[in-house]
Protein backbone atom coordinates (compact mmCIF):
# COMPACT_ATOMS: atom_id res chain seq x y z
CA MET A 1 -13.60 9.69 9.18
CA GLY A 2 -16.77 11.63 9.57
CA ILE A 3 -16.16 14.94 9.88
CA LEU A 4 -13.37 16.93 9.16
CA GLY A 5 -12.86 20.65 10.12
CA GLY A 6 -10.85 23.58 10.86
CA LEU A 7 -11.44 26.06 13.84
CA ASP A 8 -9.79 29.69 13.64
CA ILE A 9 -9.48 31.20 17.25
CA HIS A 10 -9.90 34.82 18.19
CA ARG A 11 -10.69 36.60 21.57
CA ARG A 12 -14.40 37.19 20.44
CA GLN A 13 -15.39 34.04 18.49
CA ILE A 14 -14.14 30.95 17.18
CA THR A 15 -14.84 30.43 13.54
CA PHE A 16 -15.43 26.80 12.29
CA ASP A 17 -15.75 25.32 8.88
CA TYR A 18 -16.45 21.53 8.55
CA LEU A 19 -17.28 18.74 5.94
CA ASP A 20 -18.92 15.95 6.48
CA GLU A 21 -17.54 13.22 4.34
CA ARG A 22 -20.16 11.02 3.91
CA SER A 23 -23.12 13.16 2.96
CA GLY A 24 -20.74 15.86 1.15
CA GLU A 25 -21.95 18.75 3.05
CA THR A 26 -19.96 21.48 4.29
CA ARG A 27 -20.96 23.98 7.19
CA HIS A 28 -19.49 27.03 8.68
CA GLY A 29 -20.08 29.66 11.24
CA ARG A 30 -19.18 31.17 14.49
CA ILE A 31 -19.01 30.17 18.31
CA ALA A 32 -19.11 33.41 19.98
CA PRO A 33 -17.82 34.40 22.45
CA ALA A 34 -14.85 32.15 22.48
CA ASP A 35 -14.91 30.67 25.73
CA ARG A 36 -14.53 26.97 27.13
CA MET A 37 -18.15 26.22 27.96
CA LEU A 38 -19.84 27.62 25.04
CA LEU A 39 -17.07 25.35 22.84
CA ARG A 40 -18.02 22.36 25.14
CA GLY A 41 -22.04 22.88 24.26
CA TRP A 42 -21.31 23.26 20.45
CA LEU A 43 -19.00 20.01 20.42
CA GLN A 44 -21.73 17.95 22.14
CA LYS A 45 -24.59 19.20 19.97
CA LEU A 46 -22.40 18.54 16.83
CA LEU A 47 -21.25 14.90 17.76
CA ALA A 48 -24.97 14.00 19.04
CA ASP A 49 -26.50 15.48 15.69
CA ALA A 50 -23.73 13.80 13.57
CA GLY A 51 -22.85 10.46 15.39
CA LYS A 52 -19.86 10.35 13.65
CA PRO A 53 -16.20 10.42 14.48
CA ALA A 54 -14.79 13.81 13.77
CA ALA A 55 -11.20 15.66 13.61
CA PHE A 56 -10.42 19.35 13.88
CA ALA A 57 -7.27 21.32 13.23
CA VAL A 58 -6.59 24.16 14.98
CA GLU A 59 -3.65 26.92 14.31
CA GLY A 60 -1.26 26.85 17.26
CA CYS A 61 -1.99 30.64 18.02
CA THR A 62 -3.00 32.48 21.40
CA GLY A 63 -6.15 30.25 22.72
CA TRP A 64 -5.40 26.80 21.23
CA ARG A 65 -4.73 25.11 24.40
CA PHE A 66 -8.52 25.34 25.70
CA VAL A 67 -9.68 24.28 22.35
CA VAL A 68 -7.54 21.47 21.97
CA GLU A 69 -8.30 20.48 25.28
CA GLU A 70 -12.15 20.60 24.41
CA LEU A 71 -11.78 18.59 21.38
CA GLN A 72 -9.97 15.70 23.16
CA ARG A 73 -12.45 15.74 26.27
CA ALA A 74 -15.43 15.27 23.49
CA GLY A 75 -13.49 12.48 21.99
CA VAL A 76 -12.55 14.54 18.97
CA GLU A 77 -9.09 13.96 17.23
CA ALA A 78 -7.30 17.50 17.51
CA HIS A 79 -4.68 18.34 15.24
CA LEU A 80 -2.50 21.42 16.09
CA ALA A 81 -1.07 23.56 13.22
CA GLU A 82 2.03 25.21 13.12
CA PRO A 83 1.26 28.97 12.22
CA ALA A 84 4.18 30.08 9.98
CA ASP A 85 3.91 26.66 7.69
CA THR A 86 0.08 26.91 7.49
CA SER A 87 0.32 30.49 6.26
CA ALA A 88 3.12 29.37 3.85
CA ALA A 89 0.85 26.68 2.67
CA ARG A 90 -1.95 29.08 1.79
CA GLY A 91 0.31 30.69 -1.00
CA PRO A 92 0.36 34.03 -2.75
CA LYS A 93 -2.83 36.13 -1.03
CA ARG A 94 -5.18 36.83 -4.19
CA ARG A 95 -7.81 38.40 -1.97
CA ALA A 96 -8.70 39.57 1.39
CA LYS A 97 -7.75 37.13 4.26
CA THR A 98 -10.96 36.21 6.25
CA ASP A 99 -11.44 33.95 9.31
CA ARG A 100 -13.79 31.82 7.31
CA ALA A 101 -10.81 31.47 4.78
CA ASP A 102 -8.64 30.22 7.52
CA ALA A 103 -10.85 28.06 8.94
CA ARG A 104 -11.40 26.51 5.39
CA LEU A 105 -7.72 26.32 4.63
CA LEU A 106 -7.05 24.48 7.79
CA ARG A 107 -9.81 21.99 6.99
CA GLU A 108 -8.57 21.43 3.67
CA LEU A 109 -5.12 21.02 4.63
CA LEU A 110 -6.37 18.17 7.06
CA ALA A 111 -8.42 16.60 4.78
CA ASP A 112 -5.48 16.26 1.69
CA GLY A 113 -2.79 15.14 4.63
CA ARG A 114 -0.74 18.55 3.97
CA LEU A 115 -1.48 20.02 7.57
CA PRO A 116 1.79 21.09 8.93
CA GLU A 117 1.36 19.65 12.67
CA SER A 118 2.85 20.52 15.89
CA TRP A 119 3.38 18.46 18.81
CA ILE A 120 0.50 18.60 21.61
CA PRO A 121 2.13 18.71 24.92
CA PRO A 122 0.61 16.72 27.83
CA ALA A 123 -0.96 18.96 30.99
CA GLN A 124 2.24 18.85 32.80
CA VAL A 125 4.35 20.48 30.08
CA LEU A 126 1.78 22.97 29.59
CA GLU A 127 1.78 23.91 33.27
CA MET A 128 5.56 24.14 33.51
CA ARG A 129 5.47 26.45 30.23
CA ALA A 130 2.91 28.85 32.08
CA ARG A 131 4.88 28.94 35.29
CA LEU A 132 8.45 29.51 32.95
CA GLN A 133 6.68 32.28 30.97
CA LEU A 134 5.44 33.81 34.32
CA PHE A 135 9.37 33.65 35.74
CA ARG A 136 10.70 35.36 32.54
CA ASP A 137 7.91 38.11 32.61
CA LEU A 138 8.99 39.04 36.39
CA ARG A 139 12.68 38.85 35.53
CA GLU A 140 12.35 41.02 32.83
CA GLN A 141 10.52 43.35 34.99
CA HIS A 142 13.11 43.13 37.77
CA THR A 143 15.64 44.02 35.21
CA ALA A 144 14.03 47.11 33.87
CA TRP A 145 13.32 48.62 37.52
CA VAL A 146 16.96 47.87 38.27
CA GLN A 147 18.21 49.72 35.17
CA ARG A 148 15.84 52.43 36.00
CA VAL A 149 17.37 53.27 39.23
CA HIS A 150 20.70 53.23 37.62
CA ALA A 151 19.52 55.86 35.35
CA ILE A 152 18.00 57.83 38.06
CA LEU A 153 21.70 57.69 39.63
CA LEU A 154 23.56 58.96 36.55
CA HIS A 155 20.87 61.67 35.47
CA HIS A 156 21.42 63.10 39.36
CA GLY A 157 25.26 62.73 39.22
CA VAL A 158 25.40 60.01 42.15
CA PRO A 159 28.26 57.99 41.78
CA ALA A 160 27.74 54.27 40.34
CA VAL A 161 26.97 51.77 42.27
CA THR A 162 29.28 48.76 42.74
CA GLY A 163 28.49 45.24 43.14
CA GLY A 164 24.80 44.17 43.63
CA LEU A 165 22.22 46.98 43.48
CA LEU A 166 20.03 45.70 46.36
CA GLY A 167 23.21 44.53 48.49
CA ALA A 168 22.94 45.45 52.14
CA ASP A 169 25.31 48.49 52.14
CA ASN A 170 24.17 49.78 48.47
CA ARG A 171 20.61 49.63 49.57
CA ARG A 172 21.34 51.86 52.46
CA ARG A 173 22.67 54.35 50.43
CA LEU A 174 19.67 54.36 47.89
CA GLU A 175 17.27 54.42 51.03
CA VAL A 176 19.11 57.52 52.29
CA GLY A 177 18.78 59.12 48.68
CA GLU A 178 22.25 60.83 49.27
CA GLY A 179 22.66 63.23 46.20
CA LEU A 180 19.05 62.97 44.98
CA SER A 181 16.75 65.61 44.56
CA PRO A 182 13.27 65.01 46.42
CA ALA A 183 11.75 63.41 43.38
CA GLY A 184 14.56 61.26 42.71
CA ARG A 185 14.40 59.97 46.11
CA GLU A 186 10.70 59.11 45.68
CA ALA A 187 11.33 57.58 42.61
CA VAL A 188 14.26 55.46 44.01
CA ALA A 189 11.95 54.74 46.97
CA ALA A 190 9.06 53.46 44.74
CA ALA A 191 11.41 51.38 42.73
CA LEU A 192 12.92 49.49 45.65
CA ARG A 193 9.40 48.74 46.79
CA ILE A 194 8.41 47.29 43.65
CA LEU A 195 11.66 45.03 43.38
CA ASP A 196 10.96 43.91 46.50
CA ALA A 197 7.53 42.92 45.43
CA LEU A 198 8.99 41.23 42.54
CA ASP A 199 11.35 39.18 44.37
CA ALA A 200 8.45 37.96 46.84
CA GLU A 201 6.95 36.38 43.54
CA LEU A 202 10.13 35.51 41.98
CA ASP A 203 11.63 33.39 44.85
CA PRO A 204 8.81 31.09 45.33
CA LEU A 205 8.51 30.48 41.72
CA ARG A 206 12.38 29.83 41.20
CA LYS A 207 12.12 27.36 44.08
CA GLN A 208 9.17 25.28 42.67
CA ILE A 209 10.76 25.04 39.14
CA THR A 210 14.10 24.01 40.51
CA ALA A 211 12.29 21.53 42.54
CA PHE A 212 10.57 20.23 39.61
CA ALA A 213 13.83 19.72 37.59
CA ALA A 214 15.32 17.94 40.56
CA ARG A 215 12.51 15.14 40.17
CA GLN A 216 11.99 15.36 36.28
CA PRO A 217 14.11 12.51 34.65
CA GLY A 218 14.57 14.83 31.53
CA CYS A 219 15.55 17.73 33.23
CA ARG A 220 17.92 16.16 35.37
CA ALA A 221 19.38 14.61 32.35
CA LEU A 222 19.84 18.07 30.81
CA GLN A 223 21.44 19.59 33.77
CA ALA A 224 24.69 17.60 32.92
CA ASP A 225 25.52 20.25 30.24
CA TYR A 226 27.65 22.56 31.70
CA GLY A 227 25.58 26.21 31.98
CA ILE A 228 22.39 24.44 31.91
CA GLY A 229 20.74 25.27 35.36
CA PRO A 230 17.20 24.22 36.75
CA ILE A 231 15.38 26.97 34.72
CA THR A 232 17.01 26.25 31.31
CA ALA A 233 16.97 22.82 32.20
CA THR A 234 12.84 22.94 32.43
CA ALA A 235 12.55 25.61 29.15
CA LEU A 236 14.36 22.78 26.90
CA TRP A 237 12.09 20.23 28.61
CA THR A 238 9.16 21.99 27.93
CA GLU A 239 9.58 23.17 24.47
CA LEU A 240 11.68 20.25 23.00
CA GLY A 241 9.20 17.67 24.57
CA ASP A 242 9.56 14.35 22.90
CA SER A 243 12.79 15.05 20.83
CA ARG A 244 12.35 12.04 18.91
CA ARG A 245 9.86 13.97 16.46
CA PHE A 246 12.82 15.69 15.07
CA SER A 247 14.67 13.66 12.62
CA ALA A 248 18.00 15.68 12.93
CA SER A 249 19.39 17.87 15.52
CA ARG A 250 19.25 20.88 13.17
CA LYS A 251 15.83 20.58 12.87
CA ALA A 252 15.62 20.99 16.75
CA VAL A 253 17.67 24.23 16.24
CA ARG A 254 15.42 25.66 13.74
CA HIS A 255 12.40 24.79 16.03
CA THR A 256 13.97 27.10 18.68
CA GLY A 257 14.35 30.09 15.87
CA LEU A 258 17.98 30.22 16.51
CA ASP A 259 18.90 29.05 12.83
CA ILE A 260 20.25 31.84 10.42
CA THR A 261 18.01 32.84 7.55
CA VAL A 262 19.26 32.35 3.99
CA HIS A 263 18.26 34.43 0.78
CA SER A 264 15.30 33.18 -0.80
CA SER A 265 13.38 34.97 -3.89
CA ASP A 266 10.05 34.58 -2.44
CA GLY A 267 10.84 35.69 1.00
CA LYS A 268 10.59 38.73 2.53
CA ARG A 269 13.54 38.64 5.09
CA SER A 270 16.95 39.45 4.47
CA ALA A 271 19.54 36.89 4.91
CA ALA A 272 22.12 36.13 7.82
CA HIS A 273 19.24 36.72 10.54
CA LEU A 274 18.00 34.70 13.25
CA SER A 275 14.87 33.18 12.09
CA ARG A 276 13.05 34.14 15.34
CA GLN A 277 10.28 31.51 14.94
CA GLY A 278 10.36 29.57 17.74
CA SER A 279 9.70 30.19 21.45
CA PRO A 280 10.69 33.64 22.79
CA LEU A 281 11.19 31.75 26.33
CA LEU A 282 13.59 29.11 24.87
CA ARG A 283 15.47 31.65 23.11
CA TRP A 284 15.86 33.91 26.25
CA ALA A 285 16.61 30.70 28.39
CA LEU A 286 19.28 29.40 26.13
CA PHE A 287 20.85 32.95 25.69
CA GLU A 288 21.15 32.96 29.36
CA ALA A 289 22.97 29.78 29.64
CA ALA A 290 25.20 30.27 26.40
CA GLN A 291 26.84 33.18 28.53
CA CYS A 292 28.38 30.87 30.77
CA ALA A 293 30.62 29.59 27.74
CA ALA A 294 32.78 32.88 28.52
CA ARG A 295 33.88 31.26 31.78
CA PRO A 296 37.21 29.59 31.58
CA GLY A 297 35.97 26.32 32.98
CA SER A 298 33.39 25.70 30.04
CA PRO A 299 34.20 23.10 27.68
CA ASP A 300 32.85 25.46 25.18
CA HIS A 301 35.24 28.24 26.14
CA ALA A 302 37.96 27.79 23.35
CA TYR A 303 35.10 27.70 20.60
CA TYR A 304 33.29 30.76 22.27
CA ARG A 305 36.65 32.78 22.15
CA ARG A 306 37.31 31.93 18.44
CA VAL A 307 33.86 33.11 17.40
CA ALA A 308 33.64 36.13 19.62
CA GLU A 309 37.15 37.26 18.21
CA ARG A 310 35.69 37.09 14.94
CA VAL A 311 31.83 38.27 15.23
CA GLY A 312 31.38 39.67 18.92
CA GLY A 313 30.43 38.21 22.18
CA ASN A 314 26.53 38.37 21.62
CA ARG A 315 26.95 36.27 18.36
CA ALA A 316 29.24 33.73 20.08
CA ALA A 317 26.74 32.94 22.84
CA LEU A 318 24.57 32.32 20.18
CA SER A 319 26.50 29.81 18.57
CA VAL A 320 26.99 28.46 21.87
CA ALA A 321 23.35 28.17 22.46
CA ARG A 322 22.83 26.17 18.93
CA LYS A 323 25.37 23.61 20.30
CA MET A 324 23.38 23.40 23.60
CA VAL A 325 19.98 22.52 21.72
CA ARG A 326 21.92 19.98 19.77
CA ARG A 327 23.18 18.29 22.79
CA ALA A 328 19.76 18.47 24.54
CA HIS A 329 18.24 16.81 21.46
CA HIS A 330 20.16 14.06 21.49
CA THR A 331 19.96 13.57 25.34
CA LEU A 332 16.38 13.49 25.30
CA ARG A 333 15.82 11.51 22.11
CA ALA A 334 18.17 8.76 24.34
CA LEU A 335 15.72 8.83 27.03
CA GLY A 336 13.04 7.81 24.97
CA ASP A 337 9.77 7.70 26.86
CA GLN A 338 11.28 8.14 29.87
CA ALA A 339 12.05 11.95 28.96
CA LEU A 340 8.59 13.19 29.56
CA ALA A 341 7.88 10.87 32.39
CA PRO A 342 5.19 12.41 35.02
CA VAL A 343 6.49 13.52 38.25
């Protein structure tokens, strides 16, 4: 290899630190502002001047996608570093951490073969991740506005709404504003308009994700598990991806952040909590799917009830979610290359 380097990404700049292995010369600096075209020009100049193969490591934080895409476009070997493990590899902090130090650490870990690498998903997976994140954000906003309407009704002493808040009969009651003050009626009317706008965005997005899940082989296979629908299947597919990179199903569970922490003398987190080091999107989808285990028809119902009686429903759902991840790991692993087949 001719050039080995690390790139530390921030909104204002990208800090680089690279080593020319043939000459032994190291260079560092900044690419500012951090945008695609400026990075592309810098890579073109670097490769034209060096005339040697290159490899760069990038930490898997916000902004890594366009950087990795430009590295691959320029023919540079791209490596995506796992943030938590990269931070652990730094060891005890003895001095102030800087962007240059972060870039140098990535370069050194790459050169030593100690870089904790993450999977670089193909473009199709990245696009579906972005759609799912949008869907989740819209759903959370929708839920928040529904809860706000319930709070307004309670605050004014209006009888609680039974059934769906936006059902035809309940909607007529809300639009009339019976029992509400003028300000309360305005607040409910505004909430209904916002909920309508959110539904207008959610419905086509849900249909798009559902249609994709019906065509993609990995998503179709995952939906055979009780409780996993198109949204959850697509979330599992985008986050687990090539499940063959996990040597055991417990590592797939750890990837989701649903694993339980243990006591460590050098750690800062207390034991018996979720690590939460995986994808929040995936944890959200899995918890929603695991709620189905409370239904009598679920094959996990007996297990769910045993755990729920001991530690409560929420923790029982988390236990079922971990079982779902293990099954999904084996399902995708068995499909091999077909699991990520483009559609």
